Amino acid sequence: MNGAAAPSAPAPGGSGPTLKQGHSGAPVTALQNRLNQLGFNAGAADGQFGPKTTAAVKAFQSAKGLVADGVVGPKTWNKLGITVSGTPTTPPSTGGVRGNSALANNARSVALSMGGYSSQGLCATGVSRAIQNTYGIKVWGNGNDIDNNLPRDKFKQVNLSLAEALKIPGLVLTWEKTSTRLGSIYGHTAITSGDGRSSYSDFVESNTLGAGGRSGFKVFMPI
């Protein structure tokens, strides 16, 4: 008989750590490899439990008569038929803070059109343009003014560290002062990309965490 061999059926029994969307690490890679082997497309086995892996888990759970909640617990591991060790990396809790991917995308376009990867000293202009392109509203002021001028029916201040904020796309960041002469007067503002490193204003700042000498930090979430 011609044709490819069918995927092997899971052997009875199996165990592993509880996994869900947002987790990462070796246990997630093992899960993705097993799902792909069984014909449930989890995407690349990159160790990142994202939406595609969640969809594959739910499809597998439905096919095996389990509650399709996308959480890989004892019953799901048992049906998968593999034993996995290790502890997944859990993302920090952001307290339900959400961003806006459209704002992040518009901010990136503005940054590339203004300075690219080099600051032009016009951070507030870049942020204001991105907000206007997304929401149709103009926010005036310098980097240390924008926090007061953001419309409160569109944005609210949230309590996040810079490292946490940078993992969420489309948050507005402001600093009262920076280490430069002009920055000590006008501050700085930017919009997060969501990659954990970059932010956008009048340019793309590839390592926002590494930029020192800034103080008076605030974070604002689109409502």
Protein backbone atom coordinates (compact mmCIF):
# COMPACT_ATOMS: atom_id res chain seq x y z
CA MET A 1 0.00 0.00 0.00
CA ASN A 2 1.37 3.43 -0.98
CA GLY A 3 1.23 6.65 1.05
CA ALA A 4 2.75 8.07 4.21
CA ALA A 5 2.44 6.21 7.48
CA ALA A 6 -0.24 7.46 9.87
CA PRO A 7 0.91 9.21 13.04
CA SER A 8 1.43 6.84 15.94
CA ALA A 9 -1.35 6.71 18.53
CA PRO A 10 -0.45 7.91 22.02
CA ALA A 11 0.61 5.19 24.41
CA PRO A 12 -1.43 5.03 27.61
CA GLY A 13 -0.09 7.10 30.46
CA GLY A 14 1.98 10.24 30.61
CA SER A 15 2.72 13.17 32.86
CA GLY A 16 4.23 16.63 32.91
CA PRO A 17 3.93 20.09 34.42
CA THR A 18 0.74 22.07 33.94
CA LEU A 19 1.15 24.23 30.84
CA LYS A 20 -0.97 27.02 29.37
CA GLN A 21 -0.69 29.97 27.03
CA GLY A 22 2.12 32.32 28.04
CA HIS A 23 4.42 29.56 29.32
CA SER A 24 7.73 28.84 27.64
CA GLY A 25 10.66 26.47 27.89
CA ALA A 26 11.62 22.85 27.25
CA PRO A 27 8.31 21.32 28.44
CA VAL A 28 6.47 23.45 25.89
CA THR A 29 8.83 22.33 23.13
CA ALA A 30 8.15 18.68 24.04
CA LEU A 31 4.40 19.33 23.99
CA GLN A 32 4.59 21.01 20.58
CA ASN A 33 6.65 18.16 19.13
CA ARG A 34 4.15 15.58 20.40
CA LEU A 35 1.12 17.46 19.10
CA ASN A 36 2.74 17.85 15.69
CA GLN A 37 3.66 14.15 15.67
CA LEU A 38 0.02 13.26 16.34
CA GLY A 39 -1.25 15.48 13.53
CA PHE A 40 -2.37 18.47 15.60
CA ASN A 41 -0.59 21.51 14.16
CA ALA A 42 1.09 23.38 17.01
CA GLY A 43 3.37 25.29 14.64
CA ALA A 44 7.12 25.50 15.07
CA ALA A 45 8.41 23.76 18.20
CA ASP A 46 9.89 26.99 19.53
CA GLY A 47 9.07 26.52 23.21
CA GLN A 48 6.59 29.42 23.23
CA PHE A 49 3.03 28.49 24.24
CA GLY A 50 1.15 30.92 22.02
CA PRO A 51 -2.27 30.99 20.31
CA LYS A 52 -1.38 28.33 17.74
CA THR A 53 -0.26 25.87 20.40
CA THR A 54 -3.41 26.66 22.40
CA ALA A 55 -5.58 25.87 19.35
CA ALA A 56 -3.72 22.59 18.82
CA VAL A 57 -4.17 21.61 22.48
CA LYS A 58 -7.89 22.37 22.31
CA ALA A 59 -8.28 20.34 19.13
CA PHE A 60 -6.46 17.41 20.73
CA GLN A 61 -8.55 17.65 23.90
CA SER A 62 -11.78 17.71 21.89
CA ALA A 63 -10.68 14.68 19.87
CA LYS A 64 -9.95 12.77 23.10
CA GLY A 65 -13.18 13.69 24.87
CA LEU A 66 -11.55 16.07 27.33
CA VAL A 67 -12.61 19.56 28.35
CA ALA A 68 -11.13 21.75 25.61
CA ASP A 69 -9.75 24.52 27.82
CA GLY A 70 -6.27 24.71 26.29
CA VAL A 71 -4.61 23.88 29.63
CA VAL A 72 -2.32 20.85 29.59
CA GLY A 73 -2.87 19.08 32.91
CA PRO A 74 -2.70 15.44 34.09
CA LYS A 75 -5.61 14.19 31.94
CA THR A 76 -4.20 15.77 28.79
CA TRP A 77 -0.69 14.46 29.46
CA ASN A 78 -2.18 11.00 30.01
CA LYS A 79 -3.83 11.11 26.59
CA LEU A 80 -0.68 12.50 24.98
CA GLY A 81 1.16 9.44 26.25
CA ILE A 82 4.50 11.06 27.06
CA THR A 83 6.26 11.98 30.28
CA VAL A 84 7.89 15.40 30.37
CA SER A 85 10.03 16.87 33.14
CA GLY A 86 11.12 20.41 33.82
CA THR A 87 9.53 23.64 34.97
CA PRO A 88 8.10 26.09 32.45
CA THR A 89 8.89 29.78 32.56
CA THR A 90 5.87 31.76 33.66
CA PRO A 91 5.41 35.32 32.42
CA PRO A 92 5.05 37.98 35.12
CA SER A 93 1.51 38.93 36.01
CA THR A 94 0.46 42.20 34.42
CA GLY A 95 -2.74 42.50 36.43
CA GLY A 96 -5.00 42.36 33.40
CA VAL A 97 -3.21 45.20 31.64
CA ARG A 98 -3.82 45.12 27.91
CA GLY A 99 -2.28 47.12 25.11
CA ASN A 100 -3.25 47.99 21.56
CA SER A 101 -1.45 46.34 18.66
CA ALA A 102 -2.77 48.93 16.21
CA LEU A 103 -1.19 51.72 18.26
CA ALA A 104 2.11 49.80 18.38
CA ASN A 105 2.04 49.23 14.61
CA ASN A 106 1.25 52.87 13.89
CA ALA A 107 3.99 53.97 16.28
CA ARG A 108 6.50 51.79 14.46
CA SER A 109 5.51 53.26 11.09
CA VAL A 110 5.83 56.80 12.43
CA ALA A 111 9.22 56.08 14.01
CA LEU A 112 10.62 54.62 10.81
CA SER A 113 9.31 57.56 8.78
CA MET A 114 10.88 60.12 11.13
CA GLY A 115 14.24 58.98 12.47
CA GLY A 116 14.51 55.28 11.75
CA TYR A 117 16.90 54.04 14.43
CA SER A 118 18.33 57.45 15.35
CA SER A 119 16.56 59.94 17.60
CA GLN A 120 15.63 63.29 16.11
CA GLY A 121 14.80 64.83 19.50
CA LEU A 122 11.11 64.80 18.64
CA CYS A 123 9.83 61.92 20.75
CA ALA A 124 6.55 63.61 21.71
CA THR A 125 5.82 64.40 18.05
CA GLY A 126 6.25 60.75 17.13
CA VAL A 127 4.03 59.51 19.95
CA SER A 128 1.39 62.15 19.24
CA ARG A 129 1.29 61.21 15.54
CA ALA A 130 0.89 57.53 16.36
CA ILE A 131 -1.98 58.27 18.77
CA GLN A 132 -3.64 60.52 16.19
CA ASN A 133 -3.29 57.86 13.46
CA THR A 134 -4.88 55.28 15.77
CA TYR A 135 -7.57 57.22 17.63
CA GLY A 136 -8.02 60.39 15.59
CA ILE A 137 -7.07 62.60 18.53
CA LYS A 138 -4.18 65.02 18.93
CA VAL A 139 -2.17 64.96 22.15
CA TRP A 140 -0.06 68.07 22.70
CA GLY A 141 3.00 68.67 24.83
CA ASN A 142 6.54 67.49 25.37
CA GLY A 143 7.55 64.06 26.66
CA ASN A 144 6.91 65.09 30.25
CA ASP A 145 3.60 66.79 29.33
CA ILE A 146 1.92 63.91 27.55
CA ASP A 147 1.15 62.06 30.77
CA ASN A 148 -1.05 64.97 31.83
CA ASN A 149 -2.58 65.53 28.39
CA LEU A 150 -3.61 61.98 27.49
CA PRO A 151 -7.44 61.92 27.41
CA ARG A 152 -8.59 59.91 30.42
CA ASP A 153 -11.47 58.37 28.48
CA LYS A 154 -8.84 56.76 26.21
CA PHE A 155 -5.93 56.01 28.57
CA LYS A 156 -5.43 55.23 32.22
CA GLN A 157 -2.27 55.00 34.29
CA VAL A 158 -1.23 51.50 35.37
CA ASN A 159 1.37 50.22 37.79
CA LEU A 160 3.96 48.24 35.81
CA SER A 161 7.72 48.12 35.76
CA LEU A 162 9.46 49.04 32.52
CA ALA A 163 10.38 45.39 31.94
CA GLU A 164 6.75 44.31 32.29
CA ALA A 165 5.40 47.16 30.17
CA LEU A 166 7.77 46.41 27.29
CA LYS A 167 6.19 42.96 26.89
CA ILE A 168 2.79 44.48 26.05
CA PRO A 169 2.30 46.27 22.71
CA GLY A 170 0.76 49.72 22.54
CA LEU A 171 1.37 51.13 26.03
CA VAL A 172 2.41 54.76 26.36
CA LEU A 173 5.55 55.32 28.42
CA THR A 174 6.60 58.69 29.85
CA TRP A 175 9.60 59.92 31.83
CA GLU A 176 9.82 63.29 33.54
CA LYS A 177 13.56 63.66 32.94
CA THR A 178 16.46 62.04 31.09
CA SER A 179 20.22 62.46 31.37
CA THR A 180 20.64 64.78 28.38
CA ARG A 181 20.39 68.57 28.63
CA LEU A 182 17.18 68.75 26.63
CA GLY A 183 15.87 65.58 28.27
CA SER A 184 16.23 67.18 31.69
CA ILE A 185 13.79 69.84 30.48
CA TYR A 186 11.44 67.96 28.19
CA GLY A 187 11.56 64.34 29.42
CA HIS A 188 10.89 61.43 27.12
CA THR A 189 7.92 59.44 25.87
CA ALA A 190 7.50 56.32 23.74
CA ILE A 191 5.08 53.54 22.80
CA THR A 192 5.90 49.90 23.50
CA SER A 193 6.40 47.38 20.70
CA GLY A 194 5.56 44.35 22.86
CA ASP A 195 8.80 42.46 22.15
CA GLY A 196 10.20 43.07 25.63
CA ARG A 197 12.94 45.39 24.38
CA SER A 198 11.89 48.01 21.85
CA SER A 199 9.82 51.18 21.97
CA TYR A 200 8.79 53.74 19.37
CA SER A 201 8.70 57.52 19.36
CA ASP A 202 10.43 59.58 16.66
CA PHE A 203 12.74 56.58 16.25
CA VAL A 204 12.96 52.88 17.09
CA GLU A 205 14.79 52.40 20.40
CA SER A 206 15.96 48.79 20.25
CA ASN A 207 17.02 48.50 23.90
CA THR A 208 14.77 50.69 26.04
CA LEU A 209 15.74 48.78 29.19
CA GLY A 210 19.37 49.68 28.59
CA ALA A 211 18.77 53.41 28.34
CA GLY A 212 19.95 54.89 31.64
CA GLY A 213 19.53 58.23 33.32
CA ARG A 214 15.75 58.44 33.09
CA SER A 215 13.47 59.22 36.02
CA GLY A 216 9.81 59.87 36.80
CA PHE A 217 8.56 56.82 34.89
CA LYS A 218 4.82 56.29 34.19
CA VAL A 219 2.82 53.81 32.08
CA PHE A 220 -0.54 54.38 30.42
CA MET A 221 -2.84 51.70 29.02
CA PRO A 222 -5.36 52.26 26.23
CA ILE A 223 -8.89 51.76 27.56
